[in-house]
Structures are given as structure tokens and as C-alpha cells.
């Protein structure tokens, strides 16, 4: 991407972010704990990063607003519809990999 100007790079990165959010909204079968265990981040992390970016720019974006944007619905509603109880194996794996979160 060294030959791409900064504006175009930002537009491409924004498009990739939008596609990631869309993908995660579609893949409700993938639990946050699985994302954390495999990739080290989840939907909540992504929404926190979005809020942090808004905060850095002095923009008003609440935690709930950023989560609603990432989840495509209020977080509590998503949890009721899609979140399953974590298995003991998932919890054990999470405990091994959670530093920094």
C-alpha cells in the first residue's frame, strides 16, 4: 500500500472495517469467547476501539452506541438472541489467553 495516498488508504481501511462489522453481524453463530480465544479480540473489543477513536477526536459516542453499531442491535438484545453459555473448555482457554483484556 506504499503507492496509495493517505486518503485512499483511510477509505480502504474504513471499507475493510465496515466489511468486518457486517461479517460479524452475519456470523452470530461465532461466540465472542471463541473470537477471543482464537484471535485475541471480539465484538466488544471492536466496539471499544470504535469508542476510543471517537473519544480521541472529541466525538460523543457512548459505549452502548458503539456496541449497537458493531452488533447491529442493542448489546443486551444480541446476548439474549445469540449468546450461549460458555463451555468449561472455552473458559479454560480464555483464562490462558486473556491478558490485556
PDB file of N, CA and C in Angstrom:
ATOM      1  N   UNK A   1       0.824  -1.194   0.000  1.00  0.00           N
ATOM      2  CA  UNK A   1       0.000   0.000   0.000  1.00  0.00           C
ATOM      3  C   UNK A   1       0.867   1.256   0.000  1.00  0.00           C
ATOM      4  N   UNK A   2       2.142   1.084  -0.238  1.00  0.00           N
ATOM      5  CA  UNK A   2       3.046   2.235  -0.206  1.00  0.00           C
ATOM      6  C   UNK A   2       2.778   3.252  -1.310  1.00  0.00           C
ATOM      7  N   UNK A   3       2.139   2.823  -2.394  1.00  0.00           N
ATOM      8  CA  UNK A   3       1.869   3.730  -3.505  1.00  0.00           C
ATOM      9  C   UNK A   3       0.473   4.352  -3.441  1.00  0.00           C
ATOM     10  N   UNK A   4      -0.230   4.148  -2.341  1.00  0.00           N
ATOM     11  CA  UNK A   4      -1.588   4.671  -2.182  1.00  0.00           C
ATOM     12  C   UNK A   4      -1.539   5.897  -1.281  1.00  0.00           C
ATOM     13  N   UNK A   5      -2.220   6.945  -1.679  1.00  0.00           N
ATOM     14  CA  UNK A   5      -2.228   8.165  -0.865  1.00  0.00           C
ATOM     15  C   UNK A   5      -2.987   7.931   0.442  1.00  0.00           C
ATOM     16  N   UNK A   6      -2.754   8.785   1.419  1.00  0.00           N
ATOM     17  CA  UNK A   6      -3.302   8.614   2.763  1.00  0.00           C
ATOM     18  C   UNK A   6      -4.827   8.592   2.778  1.00  0.00           C
ATOM     19  N   UNK A   7      -5.450   9.445   1.987  1.00  0.00           N
ATOM     20  CA  UNK A   7      -6.919   9.489   1.953  1.00  0.00           C
ATOM     21  C   UNK A   7      -7.485   8.180   1.425  1.00  0.00           C
ATOM     22  N   UNK A   8      -6.919   7.677   0.332  1.00  0.00           N
ATOM     23  CA  UNK A   8      -7.391   6.418  -0.237  1.00  0.00           C
ATOM     24  C   UNK A   8      -7.136   5.264   0.732  1.00  0.00           C
ATOM     25  N   UNK A   9      -5.978   5.272   1.378  1.00  0.00           N
ATOM     26  CA  UNK A   9      -5.683   4.231   2.361  1.00  0.00           C
ATOM     27  C   UNK A   9      -6.724   4.234   3.471  1.00  0.00           C
ATOM     28  N   UNK A  10      -7.069   5.414   3.979  1.00  0.00           N
ATOM     29  CA  UNK A  10      -8.071   5.516   5.031  1.00  0.00           C
ATOM     30  C   UNK A  10      -9.423   5.012   4.539  1.00  0.00           C
ATOM     31  N   UNK A  11      -9.780   5.333   3.312  1.00  0.00           N
ATOM     32  CA  UNK A  11     -11.042   4.861   2.747  1.00  0.00           C
ATOM     33  C   UNK A  11     -11.061   3.334   2.620  1.00  0.00           C
ATOM     34  N   UNK A  12      -9.949   2.758   2.196  1.00  0.00           N
ATOM     35  CA  UNK A  12      -9.853   1.299   2.092  1.00  0.00           C
ATOM     36  C   UNK A  12      -9.949   0.643   3.464  1.00  0.00           C
ATOM     37  N   UNK A  13      -9.259   1.212   4.433  1.00  0.00           N
ATOM     38  CA  UNK A  13      -9.307   0.674   5.791  1.00  0.00           C
ATOM     39  C   UNK A  13     -10.713   0.783   6.373  1.00  0.00           C
ATOM     40  N   UNK A  14     -11.383   1.894   6.104  1.00  0.00           N
ATOM     41  CA  UNK A  14     -12.763   2.062   6.574  1.00  0.00           C
ATOM     42  C   UNK A  14     -13.682   1.037   5.917  1.00  0.00           C
ATOM     43  N   UNK A  15     -13.474   0.775   4.643  1.00  0.00           N
ATOM     44  CA  UNK A  15     -14.284  -0.232   3.946  1.00  0.00           C
ATOM     45  C   UNK A  15     -14.041  -1.615   4.533  1.00  0.00           C
ATOM     46  N   UNK A  16     -12.801  -1.915   4.859  1.00  0.00           N
ATOM     47  CA  UNK A  16     -12.488  -3.212   5.469  1.00  0.00           C
ATOM     48  C   UNK A  16     -13.135  -3.318   6.848  1.00  0.00           C
ATOM     49  N   UNK A  17     -13.130  -2.237   7.615  1.00  0.00           N
ATOM     50  CA  UNK A  17     -13.790  -2.227   8.925  1.00  0.00           C
ATOM     51  C   UNK A  17     -15.285  -2.485   8.758  1.00  0.00           C
ATOM     52  N   UNK A  18     -15.903  -1.783   7.814  1.00  0.00           N
ATOM     53  CA  UNK A  18     -17.341  -1.982   7.591  1.00  0.00           C
ATOM     54  C   UNK A  18     -17.639  -3.424   7.196  1.00  0.00           C
ATOM     55  N   UNK A  19     -16.795  -4.012   6.382  1.00  0.00           N
ATOM     56  CA  UNK A  19     -16.995  -5.404   5.971  1.00  0.00           C
ATOM     57  C   UNK A  19     -16.809  -6.355   7.139  1.00  0.00           C
ATOM     58  N   UNK A  20     -15.844  -6.089   8.006  1.00  0.00           N
ATOM     59  CA  UNK A  20     -15.647  -6.912   9.201  1.00  0.00           C
ATOM     60  C   UNK A  20     -16.870  -6.847  10.104  1.00  0.00           C
ATOM     61  N   UNK A  21     -17.393  -5.653  10.324  1.00  0.00           N
ATOM     62  CA  UNK A  21     -18.586  -5.494  11.152  1.00  0.00           C
ATOM     63  C   UNK A  21     -19.762  -6.243  10.530  1.00  0.00           C
ATOM     64  N   UNK A  22     -19.945  -6.097   9.233  1.00  0.00           N
ATOM     65  CA  UNK A  22     -21.033  -6.799   8.538  1.00  0.00           C
ATOM     66  C   UNK A  22     -20.870  -8.316   8.690  1.00  0.00           C
ATOM     67  N   UNK A  23     -19.667  -8.794   8.521  1.00  0.00           N
ATOM     68  CA  UNK A  23     -19.388 -10.226   8.642  1.00  0.00           C
ATOM     69  C   UNK A  23     -19.712 -10.728  10.047  1.00  0.00           C
ATOM     70  N   UNK A  24     -19.291  -9.985  11.062  1.00  0.00           N
ATOM     71  CA  UNK A  24     -19.561 -10.399  12.439  1.00  0.00           C
ATOM     72  C   UNK A  24     -21.054 -10.349  12.757  1.00  0.00           C
ATOM     73  N   UNK A  25     -21.775  -9.417  12.163  1.00  0.00           N
ATOM     74  CA  UNK A  25     -23.230  -9.369  12.359  1.00  0.00           C
ATOM     75  C   UNK A  25     -23.897 -10.596  11.743  1.00  0.00           C
ATOM     76  N   UNK A  26     -23.385 -11.045  10.612  1.00  0.00           N
ATOM     77  CA  UNK A  26     -23.948 -12.216   9.943  1.00  0.00           C
ATOM     78  C   UNK A  26     -23.595 -13.508  10.666  1.00  0.00           C
ATOM     79  N   UNK A  27     -22.433 -13.561  11.278  1.00  0.00           N
ATOM     80  CA  UNK A  27     -21.947 -14.792  11.899  1.00  0.00           C
ATOM     81  C   UNK A  27     -22.270 -14.815  13.396  1.00  0.00           C
ATOM     82  N   UNK A  28     -23.552 -14.783  13.688  1.00  0.00           N
ATOM     83  CA  UNK A  28     -23.992 -14.814  15.084  1.00  0.00           C
ATOM     84  C   UNK A  28     -23.698 -16.155  15.743  1.00  0.00           C
ATOM     85  N   UNK A  29     -23.381 -17.168  14.934  1.00  0.00           N
ATOM     86  CA  UNK A  29     -23.017 -18.466  15.488  1.00  0.00           C
ATOM     87  C   UNK A  29     -21.640 -18.438  16.139  1.00  0.00           C
ATOM     88  N   UNK A  30     -20.820 -17.479  15.770  1.00  0.00           N
ATOM     89  CA  UNK A  30     -19.485 -17.354  16.345  1.00  0.00           C
ATOM     90  C   UNK A  30     -19.597 -16.545  17.633  1.00  0.00           C
ATOM     91  N   UNK A  31     -19.259 -17.177  18.720  1.00  0.00           N
ATOM     92  CA  UNK A  31     -19.369 -16.546  20.027  1.00  0.00           C
ATOM     93  C   UNK A  31     -18.157 -15.645  20.288  1.00  0.00           C
ATOM     94  N   UNK A  32     -18.363 -14.611  21.087  1.00  0.00           N
ATOM     95  CA  UNK A  32     -17.274 -13.704  21.432  1.00  0.00           C
ATOM     96  C   UNK A  32     -16.118 -14.439  22.098  1.00  0.00           C
ATOM     97  N   UNK A  33     -16.418 -15.394  22.957  1.00  0.00           N
ATOM     98  CA  UNK A  33     -15.349 -16.107  23.648  1.00  0.00           C
ATOM     99  C   UNK A  33     -14.496 -16.889  22.648  1.00  0.00           C
ATOM    100  N   UNK A  34     -15.122 -17.406  21.592  1.00  0.00           N
ATOM    101  CA  UNK A  34     -14.357 -18.098  20.548  1.00  0.00           C
ATOM    102  C   UNK A  34     -13.437 -17.118  19.821  1.00  0.00           C
ATOM    103  N   UNK A  35     -13.962 -15.935  19.512  1.00  0.00           N
ATOM    104  CA  UNK A  35     -13.135 -14.911  18.875  1.00  0.00           C
ATOM    105  C   UNK A  35     -11.959 -14.542  19.769  1.00  0.00           C
ATOM    106  N   UNK A  36     -12.223 -14.354  21.054  1.00  0.00           N
ATOM    107  CA  UNK A  36     -11.156 -14.005  21.995  1.00  0.00           C
ATOM    108  C   UNK A  36     -10.099 -15.101  22.061  1.00  0.00           C
ATOM    109  N   UNK A  37     -10.562 -16.338  22.132  1.00  0.00           N
ATOM    110  CA  UNK A  37      -9.623 -17.451  22.259  1.00  0.00           C
ATOM    111  C   UNK A  37      -8.776 -17.643  21.010  1.00  0.00           C
ATOM    112  N   UNK A  38      -9.348 -17.399  19.850  1.00  0.00           N
ATOM    113  CA  UNK A  38      -8.624 -17.624  18.600  1.00  0.00           C
ATOM    114  C   UNK A  38      -7.891 -16.394  18.084  1.00  0.00           C
ATOM    115  N   UNK A  39      -8.497 -15.223  18.240  1.00  0.00           N
ATOM    116  CA  UNK A  39      -7.940 -14.026  17.617  1.00  0.00           C
ATOM    117  C   UNK A  39      -7.479 -12.968  18.615  1.00  0.00           C
ATOM    118  N   UNK A  40      -7.871 -13.111  19.869  1.00  0.00           N
ATOM    119  CA  UNK A  40      -7.464 -12.129  20.867  1.00  0.00           C
ATOM    120  C   UNK A  40      -8.307 -10.872  20.890  1.00  0.00           C
ATOM    121  N   UNK A  41      -9.406 -10.866  20.159  1.00  0.00           N
ATOM    122  CA  UNK A  41     -10.350  -9.748  20.205  1.00  0.00           C
ATOM    123  C   UNK A  41     -11.736 -10.291  19.896  1.00  0.00           C
ATOM    124  N   UNK A  42     -12.753  -9.495  20.247  1.00  0.00           N
ATOM    125  CA  UNK A  42     -14.135  -9.896  19.982  1.00  0.00           C
ATOM    126  C   UNK A  42     -14.936  -8.661  19.570  1.00  0.00           C
ATOM    127  N   UNK A  43     -16.219  -8.844  19.444  1.00  0.00           N
ATOM    128  CA  UNK A  43     -17.093  -7.730  19.065  1.00  0.00           C
ATOM    129  C   UNK A  43     -17.012  -6.592  20.086  1.00  0.00           C
ATOM    130  N   UNK A  44     -16.932  -6.946  21.372  1.00  0.00           N
ATOM    131  CA  UNK A  44     -16.826  -5.905  22.393  1.00  0.00           C
ATOM    132  C   UNK A  44     -15.535  -5.115  22.237  1.00  0.00           C
ATOM    133  N   UNK A  45     -14.431  -5.805  21.963  1.00  0.00           N
ATOM    134  CA  UNK A  45     -13.158  -5.115  21.730  1.00  0.00           C
ATOM    135  C   UNK A  45     -13.303  -4.139  20.567  1.00  0.00           C
ATOM    136  N   UNK A  46     -13.892  -4.621  19.484  1.00  0.00           N
ATOM    137  CA  UNK A  46     -14.067  -3.788  18.306  1.00  0.00           C
ATOM    138  C   UNK A  46     -14.898  -2.550  18.626  1.00  0.00           C
ATOM    139  N   UNK A  47     -15.964  -2.740  19.397  1.00  0.00           N
ATOM    140  CA  UNK A  47     -16.793  -1.588  19.762  1.00  0.00           C
ATOM    141  C   UNK A  47     -16.035  -0.644  20.697  1.00  0.00           C
ATOM    142  N   UNK A  48     -15.199  -1.194  21.573  1.00  0.00           N
ATOM    143  CA  UNK A  48     -14.377  -0.353  22.453  1.00  0.00           C
ATOM    144  C   UNK A  48     -13.372   0.458  21.645  1.00  0.00           C
ATOM    145  N   UNK A  49     -12.769  -0.162  20.621  1.00  0.00           N
ATOM    146  CA  UNK A  49     -11.817   0.557  19.773  1.00  0.00           C
ATOM    147  C   UNK A  49     -12.510   1.674  19.009  1.00  0.00           C
ATOM    148  N   UNK A  50     -13.733   1.426  18.568  1.00  0.00           N
ATOM    149  CA  UNK A  50     -14.504   2.458  17.881  1.00  0.00           C
ATOM    150  C   UNK A  50     -14.774   3.632  18.820  1.00  0.00           C
ATOM    151  N   UNK A  51     -15.177   3.330  20.045  1.00  0.00           N
ATOM    152  CA  UNK A  51     -15.433   4.383  21.029  1.00  0.00           C
ATOM    153  C   UNK A  51     -14.156   5.159  21.348  1.00  0.00           C
ATOM    154  N   UNK A  52     -13.048   4.452  21.521  1.00  0.00           N
ATOM    155  CA  UNK A  52     -11.768   5.112  21.804  1.00  0.00           C
ATOM    156  C   UNK A  52     -11.380   6.064  20.673  1.00  0.00           C
ATOM    157  N   UNK A  53     -11.608   5.648  19.436  1.00  0.00           N
ATOM    158  CA  UNK A  53     -11.309   6.515  18.292  1.00  0.00           C
ATOM    159  C   UNK A  53     -12.178   7.772  18.326  1.00  0.00           C
ATOM    160  N   UNK A  54     -13.453   7.599  18.680  1.00  0.00           N
ATOM    161  CA  UNK A  54     -14.341   8.766  18.796  1.00  0.00           C
ATOM    162  C   UNK A  54     -13.875   9.668  19.930  1.00  0.00           C
ATOM    163  N   UNK A  55     -13.529   9.065  21.067  1.00  0.00           N
ATOM    164  CA  UNK A  55     -13.052   9.847  22.218  1.00  0.00           C
ATOM    165  C   UNK A  55     -11.810  10.661  21.865  1.00  0.00           C
ATOM    166  N   UNK A  56     -10.881  10.038  21.126  1.00  0.00           N
ATOM    167  CA  UNK A  56      -9.649  10.731  20.727  1.00  0.00           C
ATOM    168  C   UNK A  56      -9.940  11.954  19.868  1.00  0.00           C
ATOM    169  N   UNK A  57     -11.056  11.932  19.172  1.00  0.00           N
ATOM    170  CA  UNK A  57     -11.431  13.050  18.301  1.00  0.00           C
ATOM    171  C   UNK A  57     -12.436  13.989  18.946  1.00  0.00           C
ATOM    172  N   UNK A  58     -12.740  13.729  20.223  1.00  0.00           N
ATOM    173  CA  UNK A  58     -13.679  14.587  20.942  1.00  0.00           C
ATOM    174  C   UNK A  58     -15.114  14.416  20.497  1.00  0.00           C
ATOM    175  N   UNK A  59     -15.440  13.249  19.933  1.00  0.00           N
ATOM    176  CA  UNK A  59     -16.800  12.988  19.460  1.00  0.00           C
ATOM    177  C   UNK A  59     -17.586  12.224  20.521  1.00  0.00           C
ATOM    178  N   UNK A  60     -18.844  12.578  20.673  1.00  0.00           N
ATOM    179  CA  UNK A  60     -19.693  11.914  21.657  1.00  0.00           C
ATOM    180  C   UNK A  60     -20.179  10.583  21.087  1.00  0.00           C
ATOM    181  N   UNK A  61     -19.727   9.496  21.670  1.00  0.00           N
ATOM    182  CA  UNK A  61     -20.177   8.161  21.310  1.00  0.00           C
ATOM    183  C   UNK A  61     -20.150   7.330  22.577  1.00  0.00           C
ATOM    184  N   UNK A  62     -21.308   6.898  23.016  1.00  0.00           N
ATOM    185  CA  UNK A  62     -21.364   6.122  24.248  1.00  0.00           C
ATOM    186  C   UNK A  62     -20.938   4.682  23.991  1.00  0.00           C
ATOM    187  N   UNK A  63     -20.640   3.985  25.058  1.00  0.00           N
ATOM    188  CA  UNK A  63     -20.297   2.565  24.953  1.00  0.00           C
ATOM    189  C   UNK A  63     -21.452   1.788  24.329  1.00  0.00           C
ATOM    190  N   UNK A  64     -22.672   2.094  24.755  1.00  0.00           N
ATOM    191  CA  UNK A  64     -23.841   1.395  24.208  1.00  0.00           C
ATOM    192  C   UNK A  64     -24.022   1.711  22.725  1.00  0.00           C
ATOM    193  N   UNK A  65     -23.796   2.958  22.330  1.00  0.00           N
ATOM    194  CA  UNK A  65     -23.907   3.322  20.910  1.00  0.00           C
ATOM    195  C   UNK A  65     -22.863   2.594  20.071  1.00  0.00           C
ATOM    196  N   UNK A  66     -21.649   2.502  20.569  1.00  0.00           N
ATOM    197  CA  UNK A  66     -20.615   1.818  19.793  1.00  0.00           C
ATOM    198  C   UNK A  66     -20.911   0.325  19.712  1.00  0.00           C
ATOM    199  N   UNK A  67     -21.424  -0.272  20.786  1.00  0.00           N
ATOM    200  CA  UNK A  67     -21.792  -1.690  20.747  1.00  0.00           C
ATOM    201  C   UNK A  67     -22.968  -1.918  19.793  1.00  0.00           C
ATOM    202  N   UNK A  68     -23.950  -1.040  19.828  1.00  0.00           N
ATOM    203  CA  UNK A  68     -25.090  -1.179  18.923  1.00  0.00           C
ATOM    204  C   UNK A  68     -24.619  -1.109  17.476  1.00  0.00           C
ATOM    205  N   UNK A  69     -23.663  -0.241  17.201  1.00  0.00           N
ATOM    206  CA  UNK A  69     -23.133  -0.144  15.837  1.00  0.00           C
ATOM    207  C   UNK A  69     -22.471  -1.458  15.425  1.00  0.00           C
ATOM    208  N   UNK A  70     -21.653  -2.027  16.276  1.00  0.00           N
ATOM    209  CA  UNK A  70     -20.937  -3.257  15.929  1.00  0.00           C
ATOM    210  C   UNK A  70     -21.886  -4.453  15.876  1.00  0.00           C
ATOM    211  N   UNK A  71     -22.778  -4.564  16.838  1.00  0.00           N
ATOM    212  CA  UNK A  71     -23.682  -5.714  16.905  1.00  0.00           C
ATOM    213  C   UNK A  71     -24.870  -5.601  15.946  1.00  0.00           C
ATOM    214  N   UNK A  72     -25.200  -4.394  15.525  1.00  0.00           N
ATOM    215  CA  UNK A  72     -26.351  -4.200  14.646  1.00  0.00           C
ATOM    216  C   UNK A  72     -27.661  -4.170  15.409  1.00  0.00           C
ATOM    217  N   UNK A  73     -27.585  -4.149  16.713  1.00  0.00           N
ATOM    218  CA  UNK A  73     -28.744  -4.103  17.616  1.00  0.00           C
ATOM    219  C   UNK A  73     -28.201  -3.822  19.008  1.00  0.00           C
ATOM    220  N   UNK A  74     -29.062  -3.458  19.951  1.00  0.00           N
ATOM    221  CA  UNK A  74     -28.569  -3.266  21.320  1.00  0.00           C
ATOM    222  C   UNK A  74     -27.879  -4.542  21.823  1.00  0.00           C
ATOM    223  N   UNK A  75     -26.799  -4.349  22.547  1.00  0.00           N
ATOM    224  CA  UNK A  75     -25.982  -5.453  23.036  1.00  0.00           C
ATOM    225  C   UNK A  75     -26.799  -6.465  23.835  1.00  0.00           C
ATOM    226  N   UNK A  76     -27.638  -5.993  24.725  1.00  0.00           N
ATOM    227  CA  UNK A  76     -28.448  -6.908  25.550  1.00  0.00           C
ATOM    228  C   UNK A  76     -29.367  -7.763  24.674  1.00  0.00           C
ATOM    229  N   UNK A  77     -29.910  -7.171  23.622  1.00  0.00           N
ATOM    230  CA  UNK A  77     -30.761  -7.927  22.704  1.00  0.00           C
ATOM    231  C   UNK A  77     -29.946  -9.001  21.977  1.00  0.00           C
ATOM    232  N   UNK A  78     -28.743  -8.645  21.534  1.00  0.00           N
ATOM    233  CA  UNK A  78     -27.887  -9.617  20.860  1.00  0.00           C
ATOM    234  C   UNK A  78     -27.570 -10.786  21.798  1.00  0.00           C
ATOM    235  N   UNK A  79     -27.237 -10.450  23.040  1.00  0.00           N
ATOM    236  CA  UNK A  79     -26.917 -11.515  24.005  1.00  0.00           C
ATOM    237  C   UNK A  79     -28.103 -12.456  24.185  1.00  0.00           C
ATOM    238  N   UNK A  80     -29.290 -11.903  24.326  1.00  0.00           N
ATOM    239  CA  UNK A  80     -30.486 -12.739  24.506  1.00  0.00           C
ATOM    240  C   UNK A  80     -30.733 -13.635  23.304  1.00  0.00           C
ATOM    241  N   UNK A  81     -30.517 -13.105  22.111  1.00  0.00           N
ATOM    242  CA  UNK A  81     -30.795 -13.864  20.886  1.00  0.00           C
ATOM    243  C   UNK A  81     -29.711 -14.890  20.550  1.00  0.00           C
ATOM    244  N   UNK A  82     -28.443 -14.525  20.790  1.00  0.00           N
ATOM    245  CA  UNK A  82     -27.359 -15.298  20.190  1.00  0.00           C
ATOM    246  C   UNK A  82     -26.312 -15.860  21.146  1.00  0.00           C
ATOM    247  N   UNK A  83     -26.169 -15.300  22.326  1.00  0.00           N
ATOM    248  CA  UNK A  83     -25.074 -15.747  23.187  1.00  0.00           C
ATOM    249  C   UNK A  83     -25.439 -17.022  23.924  1.00  0.00           C
ATOM    250  N   UNK A  84     -24.532 -17.988  23.840  1.00  0.00           N
ATOM    251  CA  UNK A  84     -24.705 -19.244  24.553  1.00  0.00           C
ATOM    252  C   UNK A  84     -23.812 -19.254  25.787  1.00  0.00           C
ATOM    253  N   UNK A  85     -24.135 -20.130  26.711  1.00  0.00           N
ATOM    254  CA  UNK A  85     -23.302 -20.324  27.888  1.00  0.00           C
ATOM    255  C   UNK A  85     -21.947 -20.874  27.443  1.00  0.00           C
ATOM    256  N   UNK A  86     -20.875 -20.311  27.948  1.00  0.00           N
ATOM    257  CA  UNK A  86     -19.536 -20.782  27.583  1.00  0.00           C
ATOM    258  C   UNK A  86     -19.282 -22.140  28.218  1.00  0.00           C
ATOM    259  N   UNK A  87     -18.633 -22.991  27.455  1.00  0.00           N
ATOM    260  CA  UNK A  87     -18.275 -24.316  27.977  1.00  0.00           C
ATOM    261  C   UNK A  87     -17.070 -24.181  28.901  1.00  0.00           C
ATOM    262  N   UNK A  88     -16.830 -25.199  29.686  1.00  0.00           N
ATOM    263  CA  UNK A  88     -15.673 -25.167  30.590  1.00  0.00           C
ATOM    264  C   UNK A  88     -14.376 -25.098  29.783  1.00  0.00           C
ATOM    265  N   UNK A  89     -14.337 -25.758  28.628  1.00  0.00           N
ATOM    266  CA  UNK A  89     -13.142 -25.696  27.779  1.00  0.00           C
ATOM    267  C   UNK A  89     -12.919 -24.280  27.251  1.00  0.00           C
ATOM    268  N   UNK A  90     -13.995 -23.604  26.840  1.00  0.00           N
ATOM    269  CA  UNK A  90     -13.868 -22.230  26.357  1.00  0.00           C
ATOM    270  C   UNK A  90     -13.360 -21.316  27.469  1.00  0.00           C
ATOM    271  N   UNK A  91     -13.882 -21.507  28.656  1.00  0.00           N
ATOM    272  CA  UNK A  91     -13.467 -20.673  29.795  1.00  0.00           C
ATOM    273  C   UNK A  91     -12.009 -20.930  30.139  1.00  0.00           C
ATOM    274  N   UNK A  92     -11.605 -22.190  30.137  1.00  0.00           N
ATOM    275  CA  UNK A  92     -10.204 -22.538  30.419  1.00  0.00           C
ATOM    276  C   UNK A  92      -9.284 -21.900  29.390  1.00  0.00           C
ATOM    277  N   UNK A  93      -9.645 -22.012  28.113  1.00  0.00           N
ATOM    278  CA  UNK A  93      -8.837 -21.394  27.054  1.00  0.00           C
ATOM    279  C   UNK A  93      -8.773 -19.882  27.217  1.00  0.00           C
ATOM    280  N   UNK A  94      -9.904 -19.278  27.574  1.00  0.00           N
ATOM    281  CA  UNK A  94      -9.947 -17.834  27.768  1.00  0.00           C
ATOM    282  C   UNK A  94      -9.021 -17.416  28.911  1.00  0.00           C
ATOM    283  N   UNK A  95      -9.023 -18.152  29.983  1.00  0.00           N
ATOM    284  CA  UNK A  95      -8.174 -17.828  31.125  1.00  0.00           C
ATOM    285  C   UNK A  95      -6.693 -17.854  30.749  1.00  0.00           C
ATOM    286  N   UNK A  96      -6.329 -18.698  29.797  1.00  0.00           N
ATOM    287  CA  UNK A  96      -4.942 -18.790  29.338  1.00  0.00           C
ATOM    288  C   UNK A  96      -4.560 -17.631  28.433  1.00  0.00           C
ATOM    289  N   UNK A  97      -5.530 -17.086  27.702  1.00  0.00           N
ATOM    290  CA  UNK A  97      -5.226 -16.108  26.659  1.00  0.00           C
ATOM    291  C   UNK A  97      -5.704 -14.698  26.952  1.00  0.00           C
ATOM    292  N   UNK A  98      -6.326 -14.458  28.085  1.00  0.00           N
ATOM    293  CA  UNK A  98      -6.980 -13.163  28.310  1.00  0.00           C
ATOM    294  C   UNK A  98      -6.100 -12.000  28.735  1.00  0.00           C
ATOM    295  N   UNK A  99      -4.818 -12.167  29.033  1.00  0.00           N
ATOM    296  CA  UNK A  99      -4.052 -10.996  29.467  1.00  0.00           C
ATOM    297  C   UNK A  99      -4.232  -9.815  28.526  1.00  0.00           C
ATOM    298  N   UNK A 100      -4.437  -8.654  29.092  1.00  0.00           N
ATOM    299  CA  UNK A 100      -4.605  -7.443  28.312  1.00  0.00           C
ATOM    300  C   UNK A 100      -6.048  -7.112  27.967  1.00  0.00           C
ATOM    301  N   UNK A 101      -6.973  -7.966  28.379  1.00  0.00           N
ATOM    302  CA  UNK A 101      -8.370  -7.698  28.045  1.00  0.00           C
ATOM    303  C   UNK A 101      -9.193  -7.592  29.293  1.00  0.00           C
TER     304      UNK A 101
END
